[in-house]
């Protein structure tokens, strides 16, 4: 194990999407749409609160879709393929193999 090996780095790149408020808006809108049913009599009727939640939910969904489409088209078209092959380890036995019968 004292020998130095050169292992080439892989050529693939990892592309992370940009951060987005879309999932948070979607979750708040979904909670508002469901919780609006139980908010009957609190300033407005239950349907008004549900409609407000649904509108927020749609804005969140729109933000998610726009961010994902922009992230997709920002990806590189082609990547240079470099293969990183791992070295093969050689196993050497110390001593006699255990499969041969030993005579006393």
N, C-alpha and C. Protein backbone atom coordinates (compact mmCIF):
# COMPACT_ATOMS: atom_id res chain seq x y z
N UNK A 1 0.80 -1.18 0.00
CA UNK A 1 0.00 0.00 0.00
C UNK A 1 0.86 1.27 0.00
N UNK A 2 2.15 1.13 -0.09
CA UNK A 2 3.01 2.30 -0.07
C UNK A 2 3.15 2.94 -1.45
N UNK A 3 2.69 2.26 -2.48
CA UNK A 3 2.82 2.81 -3.82
C UNK A 3 1.78 3.92 -4.04
N UNK A 4 2.13 4.90 -4.84
CA UNK A 4 1.25 6.03 -5.12
C UNK A 4 0.47 5.75 -6.40
N UNK A 5 -0.84 5.89 -6.32
CA UNK A 5 -1.68 5.65 -7.49
C UNK A 5 -2.31 6.96 -7.92
N UNK A 6 -2.44 7.13 -9.22
CA UNK A 6 -3.11 8.30 -9.76
C UNK A 6 -4.49 7.89 -10.25
N UNK A 7 -5.52 8.39 -9.57
CA UNK A 7 -6.89 8.10 -9.97
C UNK A 7 -7.45 9.37 -10.59
N UNK A 8 -7.86 9.31 -11.87
CA UNK A 8 -8.37 10.53 -12.51
C UNK A 8 -9.71 10.96 -11.91
N UNK A 9 -9.93 12.27 -11.91
CA UNK A 9 -11.20 12.79 -11.41
C UNK A 9 -12.30 12.56 -12.44
N UNK A 10 -13.53 12.31 -11.97
CA UNK A 10 -14.62 12.11 -12.92
C UNK A 10 -14.95 13.40 -13.65
N UNK A 11 -15.45 13.28 -14.87
CA UNK A 11 -15.74 14.44 -15.69
C UNK A 11 -17.16 14.96 -15.56
N UNK A 12 -18.03 14.26 -14.82
CA UNK A 12 -19.40 14.71 -14.68
C UNK A 12 -19.46 15.87 -13.70
N UNK A 13 -20.39 16.76 -13.94
CA UNK A 13 -20.58 17.87 -13.01
C UNK A 13 -21.97 17.76 -12.39
N UNK A 14 -22.09 18.29 -11.19
CA UNK A 14 -23.37 18.28 -10.49
C UNK A 14 -23.93 19.69 -10.56
N UNK A 15 -25.11 19.83 -11.10
CA UNK A 15 -25.76 21.13 -11.23
C UNK A 15 -26.87 21.22 -10.19
N UNK A 16 -26.74 22.14 -9.26
CA UNK A 16 -27.76 22.34 -8.24
C UNK A 16 -28.72 23.43 -8.67
N UNK A 17 -30.00 23.28 -8.38
CA UNK A 17 -30.95 24.34 -8.73
C UNK A 17 -30.80 25.54 -7.79
N UNK A 18 -31.26 26.69 -8.27
CA UNK A 18 -31.20 27.88 -7.44
C UNK A 18 -32.25 27.80 -6.34
N UNK A 19 -32.04 28.48 -5.21
CA UNK A 19 -33.06 28.47 -4.16
C UNK A 19 -34.33 29.18 -4.63
N UNK A 20 -35.46 28.78 -4.08
CA UNK A 20 -36.73 29.32 -4.53
C UNK A 20 -37.70 29.41 -3.34
N UNK A 21 -38.57 30.42 -3.41
CA UNK A 21 -39.63 30.56 -2.42
C UNK A 21 -40.87 29.78 -2.83
N UNK A 22 -40.84 29.17 -3.98
CA UNK A 22 -42.00 28.47 -4.50
C UNK A 22 -42.56 27.38 -3.59
N UNK A 23 -41.72 26.46 -3.10
CA UNK A 23 -42.27 25.41 -2.23
C UNK A 23 -42.87 25.95 -0.93
N UNK A 24 -42.27 27.01 -0.38
CA UNK A 24 -42.83 27.59 0.85
C UNK A 24 -44.18 28.25 0.57
N UNK A 25 -44.29 28.98 -0.54
CA UNK A 25 -45.57 29.59 -0.90
C UNK A 25 -46.63 28.52 -1.19
N UNK A 26 -46.21 27.46 -1.85
CA UNK A 26 -47.14 26.36 -2.14
C UNK A 26 -47.67 25.75 -0.85
N UNK A 27 -46.79 25.52 0.13
CA UNK A 27 -47.21 24.94 1.40
C UNK A 27 -48.14 25.88 2.18
N UNK A 28 -47.80 27.17 2.21
CA UNK A 28 -48.65 28.14 2.91
C UNK A 28 -50.01 28.23 2.23
N UNK A 29 -50.02 28.22 0.90
CA UNK A 29 -51.29 28.26 0.18
C UNK A 29 -52.14 27.03 0.43
N UNK A 30 -51.51 25.85 0.47
CA UNK A 30 -52.26 24.62 0.74
C UNK A 30 -52.83 24.63 2.15
N UNK A 31 -52.04 25.10 3.11
CA UNK A 31 -52.54 25.20 4.48
C UNK A 31 -53.69 26.21 4.55
N UNK A 32 -53.53 27.34 3.85
CA UNK A 32 -54.59 28.35 3.85
C UNK A 32 -55.86 27.85 3.20
N UNK A 33 -55.72 27.07 2.13
CA UNK A 33 -56.91 26.55 1.44
C UNK A 33 -57.66 25.57 2.33
N UNK A 34 -56.95 24.74 3.07
CA UNK A 34 -57.61 23.76 3.94
C UNK A 34 -58.10 24.42 5.23
N UNK A 35 -57.26 25.27 5.83
CA UNK A 35 -57.64 25.91 7.08
C UNK A 35 -58.72 26.97 6.87
N UNK A 36 -58.85 27.47 5.66
CA UNK A 36 -59.88 28.46 5.38
C UNK A 36 -61.28 27.90 5.54
N UNK A 37 -61.43 26.62 5.41
CA UNK A 37 -62.74 25.98 5.59
C UNK A 37 -63.20 26.15 7.03
N UNK A 38 -62.26 26.08 7.96
CA UNK A 38 -62.60 26.15 9.38
C UNK A 38 -62.59 27.59 9.91
N UNK A 39 -62.26 28.57 9.08
CA UNK A 39 -62.22 29.96 9.52
C UNK A 39 -63.54 30.67 9.24
N UNK A 40 -64.61 29.97 9.26
CA UNK A 40 -65.92 30.55 8.96
C UNK A 40 -66.30 31.54 10.06
N UNK A 41 -66.65 32.73 9.65
CA UNK A 41 -67.07 33.75 10.60
C UNK A 41 -65.94 34.62 11.10
N UNK A 42 -64.70 34.37 10.69
CA UNK A 42 -63.57 35.21 11.10
C UNK A 42 -63.35 36.26 10.02
N UNK A 43 -63.95 37.39 10.16
CA UNK A 43 -63.93 38.54 9.28
C UNK A 43 -64.63 38.24 7.95
N UNK A 44 -64.26 37.18 7.26
CA UNK A 44 -64.87 36.80 5.98
C UNK A 44 -65.47 35.41 6.13
N UNK A 45 -66.15 34.98 5.08
CA UNK A 45 -66.69 33.62 5.10
C UNK A 45 -65.57 32.62 4.79
N UNK A 46 -65.88 31.35 4.98
CA UNK A 46 -64.88 30.30 4.79
C UNK A 46 -64.39 30.22 3.35
N UNK A 47 -65.26 30.47 2.40
CA UNK A 47 -64.85 30.36 0.99
C UNK A 47 -63.84 31.44 0.61
N UNK A 48 -63.96 32.61 1.18
CA UNK A 48 -63.02 33.70 0.87
C UNK A 48 -61.62 33.32 1.34
N UNK A 49 -61.50 32.78 2.55
CA UNK A 49 -60.19 32.36 3.06
C UNK A 49 -59.62 31.21 2.21
N UNK A 50 -60.48 30.30 1.80
CA UNK A 50 -60.02 29.19 0.95
C UNK A 50 -59.55 29.70 -0.41
N UNK A 51 -60.28 30.67 -0.97
CA UNK A 51 -59.87 31.24 -2.27
C UNK A 51 -58.54 31.97 -2.16
N UNK A 52 -58.33 32.68 -1.06
CA UNK A 52 -57.04 33.35 -0.84
C UNK A 52 -55.92 32.31 -0.76
N UNK A 53 -56.16 31.20 -0.04
CA UNK A 53 -55.17 30.12 0.04
C UNK A 53 -54.90 29.49 -1.31
N UNK A 54 -55.93 29.32 -2.11
CA UNK A 54 -55.76 28.73 -3.44
C UNK A 54 -54.97 29.66 -4.35
N UNK A 55 -55.20 30.97 -4.25
CA UNK A 55 -54.44 31.93 -5.06
C UNK A 55 -52.96 31.90 -4.67
N UNK A 56 -52.67 31.87 -3.36
CA UNK A 56 -51.27 31.77 -2.92
C UNK A 56 -50.66 30.45 -3.38
N UNK A 57 -51.45 29.37 -3.32
CA UNK A 57 -50.98 28.06 -3.78
C UNK A 57 -50.62 28.11 -5.26
N UNK A 58 -51.43 28.76 -6.07
CA UNK A 58 -51.15 28.85 -7.51
C UNK A 58 -49.91 29.69 -7.79
N UNK A 59 -49.70 30.78 -7.04
CA UNK A 59 -48.48 31.56 -7.21
C UNK A 59 -47.24 30.73 -6.84
N UNK A 60 -47.36 29.93 -5.78
CA UNK A 60 -46.25 29.05 -5.40
C UNK A 60 -45.97 28.00 -6.45
N UNK A 61 -47.02 27.42 -7.02
CA UNK A 61 -46.84 26.42 -8.07
C UNK A 61 -46.21 27.04 -9.32
N UNK A 62 -46.64 28.25 -9.65
CA UNK A 62 -46.06 28.95 -10.80
C UNK A 62 -44.57 29.22 -10.57
N UNK A 63 -44.20 29.60 -9.35
CA UNK A 63 -42.79 29.85 -9.04
C UNK A 63 -41.97 28.56 -9.14
N UNK A 64 -42.53 27.44 -8.69
CA UNK A 64 -41.83 26.16 -8.78
C UNK A 64 -41.60 25.79 -10.24
N UNK A 65 -42.62 25.92 -11.06
CA UNK A 65 -42.50 25.54 -12.48
C UNK A 65 -41.51 26.46 -13.20
N UNK A 66 -41.60 27.77 -12.98
CA UNK A 66 -40.69 28.70 -13.66
C UNK A 66 -39.24 28.45 -13.26
N UNK A 67 -39.00 28.20 -11.96
CA UNK A 67 -37.64 27.93 -11.50
C UNK A 67 -37.10 26.64 -12.09
N UNK A 68 -37.95 25.61 -12.15
CA UNK A 68 -37.47 24.33 -12.70
C UNK A 68 -37.20 24.43 -14.20
N UNK A 69 -38.02 25.16 -14.94
CA UNK A 69 -37.79 25.32 -16.37
C UNK A 69 -36.51 26.11 -16.62
N UNK A 70 -36.30 27.18 -15.87
CA UNK A 70 -35.07 27.97 -16.04
C UNK A 70 -33.83 27.17 -15.66
N UNK A 71 -33.94 26.36 -14.60
CA UNK A 71 -32.80 25.53 -14.20
C UNK A 71 -32.50 24.47 -15.25
N UNK A 72 -33.54 23.92 -15.87
CA UNK A 72 -33.33 22.91 -16.91
C UNK A 72 -32.61 23.51 -18.11
N UNK A 73 -33.04 24.68 -18.58
CA UNK A 73 -32.42 25.27 -19.75
C UNK A 73 -31.05 25.89 -19.45
N UNK A 74 -30.70 26.03 -18.17
CA UNK A 74 -29.38 26.53 -17.81
C UNK A 74 -28.34 25.41 -17.76
N UNK A 75 -28.77 24.16 -17.86
CA UNK A 75 -27.83 23.04 -17.84
C UNK A 75 -26.97 23.04 -19.09
N UNK A 76 -25.72 22.57 -18.97
CA UNK A 76 -24.90 22.48 -20.17
C UNK A 76 -25.45 21.42 -21.12
N UNK A 77 -25.31 21.68 -22.42
CA UNK A 77 -25.87 20.77 -23.41
C UNK A 77 -25.12 19.44 -23.47
N UNK A 78 -23.81 19.51 -23.42
CA UNK A 78 -23.00 18.29 -23.48
C UNK A 78 -21.90 18.38 -22.44
N UNK A 79 -21.52 17.23 -21.94
CA UNK A 79 -20.40 17.14 -21.01
C UNK A 79 -19.35 16.24 -21.60
N UNK A 80 -18.12 16.58 -21.34
CA UNK A 80 -17.02 15.74 -21.82
C UNK A 80 -16.98 14.48 -20.97
N UNK A 81 -17.04 13.34 -21.62
CA UNK A 81 -17.07 12.08 -20.90
C UNK A 81 -15.66 11.64 -20.53
N UNK A 82 -15.38 11.64 -19.26
CA UNK A 82 -14.12 11.11 -18.74
C UNK A 82 -14.48 9.97 -17.80
N UNK A 83 -13.82 8.87 -17.98
CA UNK A 83 -14.12 7.73 -17.16
C UNK A 83 -13.09 7.60 -16.06
N UNK A 84 -13.54 7.44 -14.85
CA UNK A 84 -12.66 7.27 -13.71
C UNK A 84 -12.69 5.80 -13.32
N UNK A 85 -11.74 5.04 -13.81
CA UNK A 85 -11.69 3.63 -13.47
C UNK A 85 -10.96 3.45 -12.16
N UNK A 86 -11.49 2.60 -11.34
CA UNK A 86 -10.87 2.34 -10.05
C UNK A 86 -9.80 1.26 -10.21
N UNK A 87 -8.71 1.38 -9.47
CA UNK A 87 -7.66 0.37 -9.58
C UNK A 87 -8.09 -0.96 -8.96
N UNK A 88 -7.52 -2.04 -9.49
CA UNK A 88 -7.83 -3.38 -8.99
C UNK A 88 -6.81 -3.73 -7.92
N UNK A 89 -7.32 -4.17 -6.79
CA UNK A 89 -6.44 -4.55 -5.69
C UNK A 89 -5.96 -5.99 -5.88
N UNK A 90 -4.71 -6.23 -5.63
CA UNK A 90 -4.14 -7.57 -5.66
C UNK A 90 -4.07 -8.10 -4.24
N UNK A 91 -4.65 -9.27 -4.01
CA UNK A 91 -4.65 -9.88 -2.69
C UNK A 91 -3.58 -10.95 -2.67
N UNK A 92 -2.67 -10.81 -1.75
CA UNK A 92 -1.60 -11.80 -1.60
C UNK A 92 -1.78 -12.51 -0.27
N UNK A 93 -1.69 -13.82 -0.31
CA UNK A 93 -1.84 -14.61 0.90
C UNK A 93 -0.50 -14.75 1.60
N UNK A 94 -0.55 -14.67 2.90
CA UNK A 94 0.67 -14.87 3.68
C UNK A 94 0.60 -16.27 4.30
N UNK A 95 1.37 -17.14 3.82
CA UNK A 95 1.35 -18.50 4.36
C UNK A 95 0.75 -19.48 3.37
N UNK A 96 0.47 -20.68 3.87
CA UNK A 96 -0.08 -21.74 3.03
C UNK A 96 -1.58 -21.60 2.93
N UNK A 97 -2.12 -21.98 1.77
CA UNK A 97 -3.59 -21.97 1.65
C UNK A 97 -4.21 -23.01 2.56
N UNK A 98 -5.40 -22.73 3.05
CA UNK A 98 -6.05 -23.62 4.00
C UNK A 98 -6.73 -24.82 3.33
N UNK A 99 -6.78 -24.85 1.99
CA UNK A 99 -7.45 -25.93 1.29
C UNK A 99 -6.61 -27.18 1.13
N UNK A 100 -5.31 -27.13 1.35
CA UNK A 100 -4.45 -28.30 1.19
C UNK A 100 -4.29 -29.01 2.52
N UNK A 101 -4.38 -30.34 2.53
CA UNK A 101 -4.22 -31.07 3.78
C UNK A 101 -2.75 -31.05 4.23
N UNK A 102 -2.58 -30.87 5.49
CA UNK A 102 -1.21 -30.85 6.05
C UNK A 102 -0.92 -32.18 6.70
N UNK A 103 0.28 -32.66 6.48
CA UNK A 103 0.67 -33.93 7.07
C UNK A 103 1.48 -33.67 8.32
N UNK A 104 1.23 -34.46 9.38
CA UNK A 104 1.97 -34.28 10.63
C UNK A 104 3.39 -34.77 10.56
